[in-house]
Amino acid sequence: MSKPITFGTRVGFDYGDKRIGVATSDTESILVSPHSTILNDAKIEIKLKEIIAEFDPIYVVVGNPKHLSGSLSQKSASALNFANFIKSFYDRPIYLVDERLSTANSNSKLRDVGISQRDGKTIIDQIAAIAILENALANEKSGRPIGDLI
């Protein structure tokens, strides 16, 4: 059963060593939209601060790439480091949200609409970020924990 949730925008990140997908919700959390794919480079802090300033989210979610078994993966540590990096300049809740299969499902969605994995490289991270944020919102609306609070 769905329950009312707090009014405000949320931002989701699909962290990667090279690229980071970004998705946002509307203030009513009805619609999740792709925002951008940003390069994970020396200017990452500036880019993240700009996104957070633009949307002023009530919380942020970062995908946690667990193993299929549910145990933490080596990439989970990178996602946690990224979330802690955001925490150094963002003082609202940050959640790690299970993202098992989000990239595989995103690739499948691209194939379904006729876009190759190579051609979809620029948007695949955004699609994964959408899935991560939608998962967080579904958890929130159902009263389950949004994710693991950092």
N, C-alpha and C. Protein backbone atom coordinates (compact mmCIF):
# COMPACT_ATOMS: atom_id res chain seq x y z
N MET A 1 0.83 -1.17 0.00
CA MET A 1 0.00 0.00 0.00
C MET A 1 0.88 1.25 0.00
N SER A 2 0.50 2.23 -0.78
CA SER A 2 1.26 3.46 -0.93
C SER A 2 0.90 4.43 0.20
N LYS A 3 1.87 5.20 0.62
CA LYS A 3 1.62 6.19 1.66
C LYS A 3 2.16 7.53 1.20
N PRO A 4 1.61 8.63 1.75
CA PRO A 4 2.12 9.95 1.37
C PRO A 4 3.58 10.08 1.77
N ILE A 5 4.35 10.73 0.93
CA ILE A 5 5.75 10.95 1.25
C ILE A 5 6.05 12.44 1.25
N THR A 6 7.19 12.79 1.80
CA THR A 6 7.59 14.18 1.92
C THR A 6 7.74 14.84 0.55
N PHE A 7 7.20 16.04 0.44
CA PHE A 7 7.30 16.84 -0.76
C PHE A 7 8.75 17.28 -0.95
N GLY A 8 9.29 17.14 -2.14
CA GLY A 8 10.64 17.59 -2.44
C GLY A 8 11.32 16.71 -3.46
N THR A 9 12.30 17.27 -4.08
CA THR A 9 13.07 16.57 -5.12
C THR A 9 14.05 15.60 -4.50
N ARG A 10 14.33 14.51 -5.23
CA ARG A 10 15.36 13.55 -4.85
C ARG A 10 16.32 13.41 -6.03
N VAL A 11 17.57 13.09 -5.75
CA VAL A 11 18.56 12.89 -6.80
C VAL A 11 19.18 11.51 -6.63
N GLY A 12 19.32 10.80 -7.75
CA GLY A 12 19.93 9.48 -7.74
C GLY A 12 21.19 9.45 -8.59
N PHE A 13 22.18 8.70 -8.12
CA PHE A 13 23.45 8.56 -8.84
C PHE A 13 23.75 7.10 -9.10
N ASP A 14 24.17 6.81 -10.31
CA ASP A 14 24.74 5.51 -10.66
C ASP A 14 26.24 5.74 -10.80
N TYR A 15 26.99 5.37 -9.74
CA TYR A 15 28.42 5.66 -9.69
C TYR A 15 29.21 4.70 -10.57
N GLY A 16 30.16 5.26 -11.29
CA GLY A 16 31.12 4.47 -12.06
C GLY A 16 32.48 5.14 -12.01
N ASP A 17 33.51 4.34 -12.22
CA ASP A 17 34.87 4.89 -12.18
C ASP A 17 35.11 5.95 -13.25
N LYS A 18 34.43 5.81 -14.40
CA LYS A 18 34.62 6.75 -15.50
C LYS A 18 33.47 7.74 -15.64
N ARG A 19 32.23 7.23 -15.48
CA ARG A 19 31.04 8.06 -15.67
C ARG A 19 30.06 7.84 -14.53
N ILE A 20 29.27 8.88 -14.26
CA ILE A 20 28.25 8.82 -13.22
C ILE A 20 26.93 9.26 -13.84
N GLY A 21 25.95 8.37 -13.77
CA GLY A 21 24.61 8.71 -14.26
C GLY A 21 23.85 9.46 -13.18
N VAL A 22 23.05 10.43 -13.61
CA VAL A 22 22.28 11.25 -12.68
C VAL A 22 20.82 11.26 -13.10
N ALA A 23 19.93 11.04 -12.13
CA ALA A 23 18.49 11.12 -12.36
C ALA A 23 17.89 11.96 -11.24
N THR A 24 16.73 12.56 -11.52
CA THR A 24 16.05 13.39 -10.54
C THR A 24 14.57 13.06 -10.53
N SER A 25 13.94 13.37 -9.39
CA SER A 25 12.48 13.23 -9.31
C SER A 25 11.86 14.62 -9.34
N ASP A 26 10.58 14.65 -9.66
CA ASP A 26 9.86 15.91 -9.50
C ASP A 26 9.56 16.08 -8.00
N THR A 27 9.03 17.22 -7.62
CA THR A 27 8.84 17.49 -6.19
C THR A 27 7.76 16.61 -5.57
N GLU A 28 6.83 16.09 -6.38
CA GLU A 28 5.79 15.20 -5.87
C GLU A 28 6.23 13.74 -5.91
N SER A 29 7.42 13.48 -6.45
CA SER A 29 7.98 12.13 -6.58
C SER A 29 7.08 11.20 -7.40
N ILE A 30 6.48 11.75 -8.43
CA ILE A 30 5.65 10.97 -9.35
C ILE A 30 6.50 10.53 -10.54
N LEU A 31 7.35 11.43 -11.00
CA LEU A 31 8.13 11.20 -12.21
C LEU A 31 9.63 11.25 -11.91
N VAL A 32 10.35 10.26 -12.41
CA VAL A 32 11.81 10.26 -12.33
C VAL A 32 12.33 10.46 -13.74
N SER A 33 13.26 11.38 -13.90
CA SER A 33 13.78 11.74 -15.22
C SER A 33 15.30 11.65 -15.27
N PRO A 34 15.82 11.36 -16.46
CA PRO A 34 17.28 11.41 -16.60
C PRO A 34 17.73 12.85 -16.51
N HIS A 35 18.87 13.08 -15.90
CA HIS A 35 19.43 14.43 -15.85
C HIS A 35 20.66 14.54 -16.73
N SER A 36 21.66 13.71 -16.46
CA SER A 36 22.92 13.81 -17.20
C SER A 36 23.80 12.61 -16.90
N THR A 37 24.84 12.50 -17.69
CA THR A 37 25.94 11.60 -17.39
C THR A 37 27.15 12.49 -17.26
N ILE A 38 27.79 12.44 -16.11
CA ILE A 38 28.95 13.31 -15.88
C ILE A 38 30.21 12.47 -15.81
N LEU A 39 31.28 13.06 -16.29
CA LEU A 39 32.56 12.37 -16.21
C LEU A 39 33.08 12.40 -14.78
N ASN A 40 33.62 11.29 -14.35
CA ASN A 40 34.22 11.20 -13.02
C ASN A 40 35.68 11.62 -13.16
N ASP A 41 35.88 12.92 -13.10
CA ASP A 41 37.22 13.47 -13.34
C ASP A 41 37.58 14.47 -12.24
N ALA A 42 38.58 15.25 -12.47
CA ALA A 42 39.07 16.20 -11.48
C ALA A 42 38.04 17.28 -11.11
N LYS A 43 37.03 17.49 -11.95
CA LYS A 43 36.02 18.51 -11.68
C LYS A 43 34.75 17.93 -11.07
N ILE A 44 34.80 16.69 -10.59
CA ILE A 44 33.60 16.01 -10.09
C ILE A 44 32.93 16.76 -8.94
N GLU A 45 33.72 17.29 -8.02
CA GLU A 45 33.13 17.99 -6.88
C GLU A 45 32.33 19.20 -7.35
N ILE A 46 32.85 19.96 -8.27
CA ILE A 46 32.15 21.13 -8.81
C ILE A 46 30.85 20.71 -9.45
N LYS A 47 30.89 19.64 -10.27
CA LYS A 47 29.69 19.16 -10.97
C LYS A 47 28.63 18.70 -9.98
N LEU A 48 29.05 17.95 -8.97
CA LEU A 48 28.09 17.45 -7.98
C LEU A 48 27.47 18.59 -7.19
N LYS A 49 28.27 19.57 -6.80
CA LYS A 49 27.75 20.71 -6.06
C LYS A 49 26.75 21.50 -6.91
N GLU A 50 27.01 21.60 -8.21
CA GLU A 50 26.08 22.30 -9.11
C GLU A 50 24.74 21.57 -9.18
N ILE A 51 24.79 20.25 -9.30
CA ILE A 51 23.56 19.46 -9.38
C ILE A 51 22.77 19.59 -8.08
N ILE A 52 23.45 19.47 -6.97
CA ILE A 52 22.78 19.57 -5.67
C ILE A 52 22.21 20.97 -5.46
N ALA A 53 22.93 22.00 -5.86
CA ALA A 53 22.41 23.37 -5.74
C ALA A 53 21.21 23.58 -6.65
N GLU A 54 21.25 23.02 -7.84
CA GLU A 54 20.15 23.18 -8.80
C GLU A 54 18.86 22.54 -8.30
N PHE A 55 18.95 21.35 -7.70
CA PHE A 55 17.74 20.61 -7.32
C PHE A 55 17.41 20.68 -5.84
N ASP A 56 18.36 21.04 -5.00
CA ASP A 56 18.14 21.14 -3.55
C ASP A 56 17.36 19.92 -3.04
N PRO A 57 17.90 18.71 -3.26
CA PRO A 57 17.15 17.50 -2.93
C PRO A 57 16.99 17.30 -1.42
N ILE A 58 15.86 16.63 -1.06
CA ILE A 58 15.65 16.32 0.35
C ILE A 58 16.50 15.12 0.76
N TYR A 59 16.88 14.30 -0.22
CA TYR A 59 17.87 13.26 0.00
C TYR A 59 18.48 12.84 -1.32
N VAL A 60 19.60 12.14 -1.21
CA VAL A 60 20.34 11.64 -2.36
C VAL A 60 20.46 10.12 -2.22
N VAL A 61 20.38 9.42 -3.35
CA VAL A 61 20.63 7.99 -3.34
C VAL A 61 21.78 7.67 -4.28
N VAL A 62 22.56 6.67 -3.87
CA VAL A 62 23.68 6.18 -4.67
C VAL A 62 23.48 4.69 -4.82
N GLY A 63 23.59 4.20 -6.05
CA GLY A 63 23.43 2.78 -6.28
C GLY A 63 24.53 1.97 -5.61
N ASN A 64 24.13 0.85 -5.00
CA ASN A 64 25.07 -0.05 -4.34
C ASN A 64 25.12 -1.35 -5.14
N PRO A 65 26.20 -1.55 -5.89
CA PRO A 65 26.29 -2.73 -6.78
C PRO A 65 26.67 -4.01 -6.02
N LYS A 66 25.70 -4.54 -5.30
CA LYS A 66 25.94 -5.78 -4.55
C LYS A 66 26.06 -6.97 -5.50
N HIS A 67 26.63 -8.05 -4.97
CA HIS A 67 26.63 -9.32 -5.71
C HIS A 67 25.20 -9.83 -5.78
N LEU A 68 24.92 -10.73 -6.73
CA LEU A 68 23.58 -11.30 -6.84
C LEU A 68 23.13 -11.97 -5.54
N SER A 69 24.09 -12.48 -4.77
CA SER A 69 23.78 -13.12 -3.49
C SER A 69 23.33 -12.12 -2.44
N GLY A 70 23.55 -10.83 -2.69
CA GLY A 70 23.21 -9.79 -1.72
C GLY A 70 24.39 -9.31 -0.92
N SER A 71 25.53 -10.00 -1.04
CA SER A 71 26.72 -9.57 -0.31
C SER A 71 27.35 -8.37 -1.02
N LEU A 72 28.13 -7.60 -0.27
CA LEU A 72 28.77 -6.42 -0.82
C LEU A 72 29.86 -6.81 -1.81
N SER A 73 29.96 -6.05 -2.87
CA SER A 73 30.97 -6.29 -3.90
C SER A 73 32.13 -5.32 -3.70
N GLN A 74 33.18 -5.52 -4.48
CA GLN A 74 34.32 -4.59 -4.44
C GLN A 74 33.85 -3.21 -4.89
N LYS A 75 32.92 -3.16 -5.84
CA LYS A 75 32.41 -1.87 -6.31
C LYS A 75 31.52 -1.20 -5.26
N SER A 76 30.98 -2.01 -4.33
CA SER A 76 30.20 -1.43 -3.23
C SER A 76 31.05 -0.47 -2.42
N ALA A 77 32.31 -0.81 -2.22
CA ALA A 77 33.22 0.06 -1.47
C ALA A 77 33.41 1.38 -2.21
N SER A 78 33.52 1.32 -3.54
CA SER A 78 33.66 2.55 -4.33
C SER A 78 32.40 3.41 -4.22
N ALA A 79 31.23 2.77 -4.26
CA ALA A 79 29.97 3.51 -4.13
C ALA A 79 29.87 4.16 -2.75
N LEU A 80 30.29 3.45 -1.72
CA LEU A 80 30.28 4.00 -0.37
C LEU A 80 31.25 5.18 -0.26
N ASN A 81 32.42 5.06 -0.85
CA ASN A 81 33.38 6.18 -0.86
C ASN A 81 32.79 7.39 -1.57
N PHE A 82 32.10 7.15 -2.67
CA PHE A 82 31.45 8.24 -3.42
C PHE A 82 30.37 8.89 -2.55
N ALA A 83 29.55 8.09 -1.88
CA ALA A 83 28.51 8.63 -1.01
C ALA A 83 29.12 9.45 0.12
N ASN A 84 30.20 8.95 0.70
CA ASN A 84 30.88 9.71 1.76
C ASN A 84 31.50 11.00 1.24
N PHE A 85 31.94 10.97 -0.01
CA PHE A 85 32.46 12.19 -0.64
C PHE A 85 31.35 13.24 -0.74
N ILE A 86 30.17 12.81 -1.19
CA ILE A 86 29.03 13.73 -1.27
C ILE A 86 28.69 14.27 0.12
N LYS A 87 28.76 13.39 1.11
CA LYS A 87 28.44 13.77 2.49
C LYS A 87 29.35 14.88 3.00
N SER A 88 30.54 15.01 2.42
CA SER A 88 31.47 16.05 2.87
C SER A 88 30.98 17.47 2.55
N PHE A 89 30.00 17.60 1.63
CA PHE A 89 29.47 18.92 1.31
C PHE A 89 27.95 18.97 1.22
N TYR A 90 27.28 17.86 1.56
CA TYR A 90 25.82 17.79 1.52
C TYR A 90 25.37 17.27 2.88
N ASP A 91 24.51 18.03 3.58
CA ASP A 91 24.19 17.67 4.97
C ASP A 91 22.81 17.05 5.17
N ARG A 92 22.23 16.52 4.11
CA ARG A 92 20.95 15.82 4.24
C ARG A 92 21.19 14.33 4.06
N PRO A 93 20.14 13.51 4.22
CA PRO A 93 20.34 12.06 4.14
C PRO A 93 20.88 11.58 2.78
N ILE A 94 21.76 10.61 2.85
CA ILE A 94 22.29 9.92 1.68
C ILE A 94 22.09 8.43 1.92
N TYR A 95 21.50 7.77 0.94
CA TYR A 95 21.21 6.35 1.07
C TYR A 95 21.93 5.56 -0.01
N LEU A 96 22.45 4.39 0.37
CA LEU A 96 22.93 3.42 -0.61
C LEU A 96 21.74 2.52 -0.92
N VAL A 97 21.42 2.41 -2.21
CA VAL A 97 20.25 1.64 -2.65
C VAL A 97 20.73 0.48 -3.52
N ASP A 98 20.23 -0.69 -3.22
CA ASP A 98 20.58 -1.90 -3.97
C ASP A 98 20.34 -1.67 -5.46
N GLU A 99 21.36 -1.89 -6.25
CA GLU A 99 21.23 -1.69 -7.69
C GLU A 99 21.56 -2.96 -8.48
N ARG A 100 21.44 -4.10 -7.86
CA ARG A 100 21.71 -5.33 -8.59
C ARG A 100 20.90 -5.35 -9.87
N LEU A 101 21.59 -5.65 -10.95
CA LEU A 101 20.99 -5.79 -12.28
C LEU A 101 20.52 -4.50 -12.93
N SER A 102 20.73 -3.33 -12.30
CA SER A 102 20.23 -2.09 -12.91
C SER A 102 20.88 -1.81 -14.26
N THR A 103 22.19 -2.03 -14.38
CA THR A 103 22.85 -1.78 -15.66
C THR A 103 22.44 -2.82 -16.69
N ALA A 104 22.34 -4.08 -16.27
CA ALA A 104 21.89 -5.13 -17.20
C ALA A 104 20.47 -4.84 -17.68
N ASN A 105 19.59 -4.44 -16.77
CA ASN A 105 18.23 -4.09 -17.17
C ASN A 105 18.21 -2.86 -18.07
N SER A 106 19.10 -1.92 -17.82
CA SER A 106 19.18 -0.72 -18.65
C SER A 106 19.63 -1.08 -20.06
N ASN A 107 20.61 -1.97 -20.16
CA ASN A 107 21.05 -2.42 -21.49
C ASN A 107 19.92 -3.12 -22.22
N SER A 108 19.14 -3.90 -21.51
CA SER A 108 18.00 -4.60 -22.10
C SER A 108 16.97 -3.60 -22.63
N LYS A 109 16.71 -2.54 -21.85
CA LYS A 109 15.76 -1.51 -22.29
C LYS A 109 16.25 -0.82 -23.55
N LEU A 110 17.56 -0.56 -23.63
CA LEU A 110 18.11 0.06 -24.84
C LEU A 110 17.92 -0.85 -26.05
N ARG A 111 18.21 -2.13 -25.87
CA ARG A 111 18.03 -3.08 -26.97
C ARG A 111 16.57 -3.12 -27.42
N ASP A 112 15.66 -3.06 -26.44
CA ASP A 112 14.23 -3.11 -26.76
C ASP A 112 13.79 -1.96 -27.66
N VAL A 113 14.47 -0.82 -27.55
CA VAL A 113 14.13 0.32 -28.39
C VAL A 113 15.09 0.49 -29.57
N GLY A 114 15.93 -0.52 -29.78
CA GLY A 114 16.79 -0.54 -30.96
C GLY A 114 18.08 0.25 -30.84
N ILE A 115 18.56 0.49 -29.65
CA ILE A 115 19.81 1.22 -29.46
C ILE A 115 20.87 0.23 -29.00
N SER A 116 21.99 0.20 -29.70
CA SER A 116 23.07 -0.72 -29.34
C SER A 116 23.74 -0.26 -28.06
N GLN A 117 24.43 -1.19 -27.41
CA GLN A 117 25.14 -0.86 -26.17
C GLN A 117 26.19 0.21 -26.44
N ARG A 118 26.85 0.12 -27.60
CA ARG A 118 27.88 1.10 -27.94
C ARG A 118 27.26 2.48 -28.16
N ASP A 119 26.14 2.53 -28.90
CA ASP A 119 25.49 3.82 -29.15
C ASP A 119 24.82 4.38 -27.89
N GLY A 120 24.46 3.51 -26.97
CA GLY A 120 23.78 3.94 -25.77
C GLY A 120 24.69 4.29 -24.61
N LYS A 121 26.00 4.24 -24.86
CA LYS A 121 26.98 4.47 -23.79
C LYS A 121 26.74 5.79 -23.05
N THR A 122 26.31 6.81 -23.77
CA THR A 122 26.14 8.12 -23.15
C THR A 122 24.88 8.20 -22.28
N ILE A 123 23.92 7.30 -22.49
CA ILE A 123 22.69 7.37 -21.69
C ILE A 123 22.47 6.19 -20.75
N ILE A 124 23.25 5.13 -20.90
CA ILE A 124 23.05 3.94 -20.09
C ILE A 124 23.16 4.24 -18.60
N ASP A 125 24.08 5.10 -18.22
CA ASP A 125 24.26 5.44 -16.81
C ASP A 125 23.07 6.23 -16.27
N GLN A 126 22.45 7.04 -17.12
CA GLN A 126 21.26 7.78 -16.72
C GLN A 126 20.08 6.83 -16.51
N ILE A 127 19.96 5.85 -17.39
CA ILE A 127 18.87 4.87 -17.25
C ILE A 127 19.05 4.08 -15.96
N ALA A 128 20.28 3.70 -15.65
CA ALA A 128 20.55 2.99 -14.40
C ALA A 128 20.24 3.88 -13.20
N ALA A 129 20.58 5.17 -13.28
CA ALA A 129 20.28 6.11 -12.18
C ALA A 129 18.77 6.24 -11.98
N ILE A 130 18.02 6.21 -13.08
CA ILE A 130 16.55 6.25 -12.98
C ILE A 130 16.05 5.04 -12.21
N ALA A 131 16.56 3.85 -12.56
CA ALA A 131 16.14 2.62 -11.89
C ALA A 131 16.46 2.67 -10.39
N ILE A 132 17.62 3.19 -10.05
CA ILE A 132 18.03 3.29 -8.65
C ILE A 132 17.10 4.23 -7.89
N LEU A 133 16.81 5.38 -8.47
CA LEU A 133 15.95 6.36 -7.80
C LEU A 133 14.51 5.84 -7.73
N GLU A 134 14.03 5.19 -8.78
CA GLU A 134 12.68 4.62 -8.74
C GLU A 134 12.56 3.56 -7.65
N ASN A 135 13.61 2.75 -7.47
CA ASN A 135 13.62 1.75 -6.41
C ASN A 135 13.53 2.42 -5.04
N ALA A 136 14.29 3.49 -4.85
CA ALA A 136 14.26 4.23 -3.58
C ALA A 136 12.87 4.80 -3.32
N LEU A 137 12.26 5.37 -4.33
CA LEU A 137 10.93 5.95 -4.17
C LEU A 137 9.89 4.87 -3.86
N ALA A 138 10.00 3.73 -4.52
CA ALA A 138 9.07 2.63 -4.25
C ALA A 138 9.21 2.18 -2.79
N ASN A 139 10.44 2.10 -2.32
CA ASN A 139 10.67 1.75 -0.92
C ASN A 139 10.04 2.78 0.01
N GLU A 140 10.29 4.04 -0.29
CA GLU A 140 9.78 5.11 0.55
C GLU A 140 8.25 5.10 0.59
N LYS A 141 7.62 4.96 -0.56
CA LYS A 141 6.15 4.98 -0.64
C LYS A 141 5.52 3.79 0.07
N SER A 142 6.23 2.67 0.10
CA SER A 142 5.67 1.48 0.75
C SER A 142 6.00 1.42 2.24
N GLY A 143 6.78 2.38 2.73
CA GLY A 143 7.13 2.40 4.13
C GLY A 143 8.35 1.57 4.49
N ARG A 144 8.99 0.97 3.47
CA ARG A 144 10.22 0.22 3.71
C ARG A 144 11.38 1.21 3.80
N PRO A 145 12.51 0.79 4.35
CA PRO A 145 13.67 1.68 4.36
C PRO A 145 14.05 2.06 2.92
N ILE A 146 14.38 3.31 2.71
CA ILE A 146 14.75 3.82 1.39
C ILE A 146 15.99 3.10 0.89
N GLY A 147 16.92 2.88 1.78
CA GLY A 147 18.18 2.23 1.49
C GLY A 147 18.98 2.22 2.79
N ASP A 148 20.26 1.96 2.67
CA ASP A 148 21.13 2.00 3.85
C ASP A 148 21.61 3.44 4.05
N LEU A 149 21.22 4.04 5.16
CA LEU A 149 21.60 5.42 5.45
C LEU A 149 23.09 5.51 5.71
N ILE A 150 23.74 6.47 5.08
CA ILE A 150 25.18 6.69 5.24
C ILE A 150 25.41 7.58 6.45
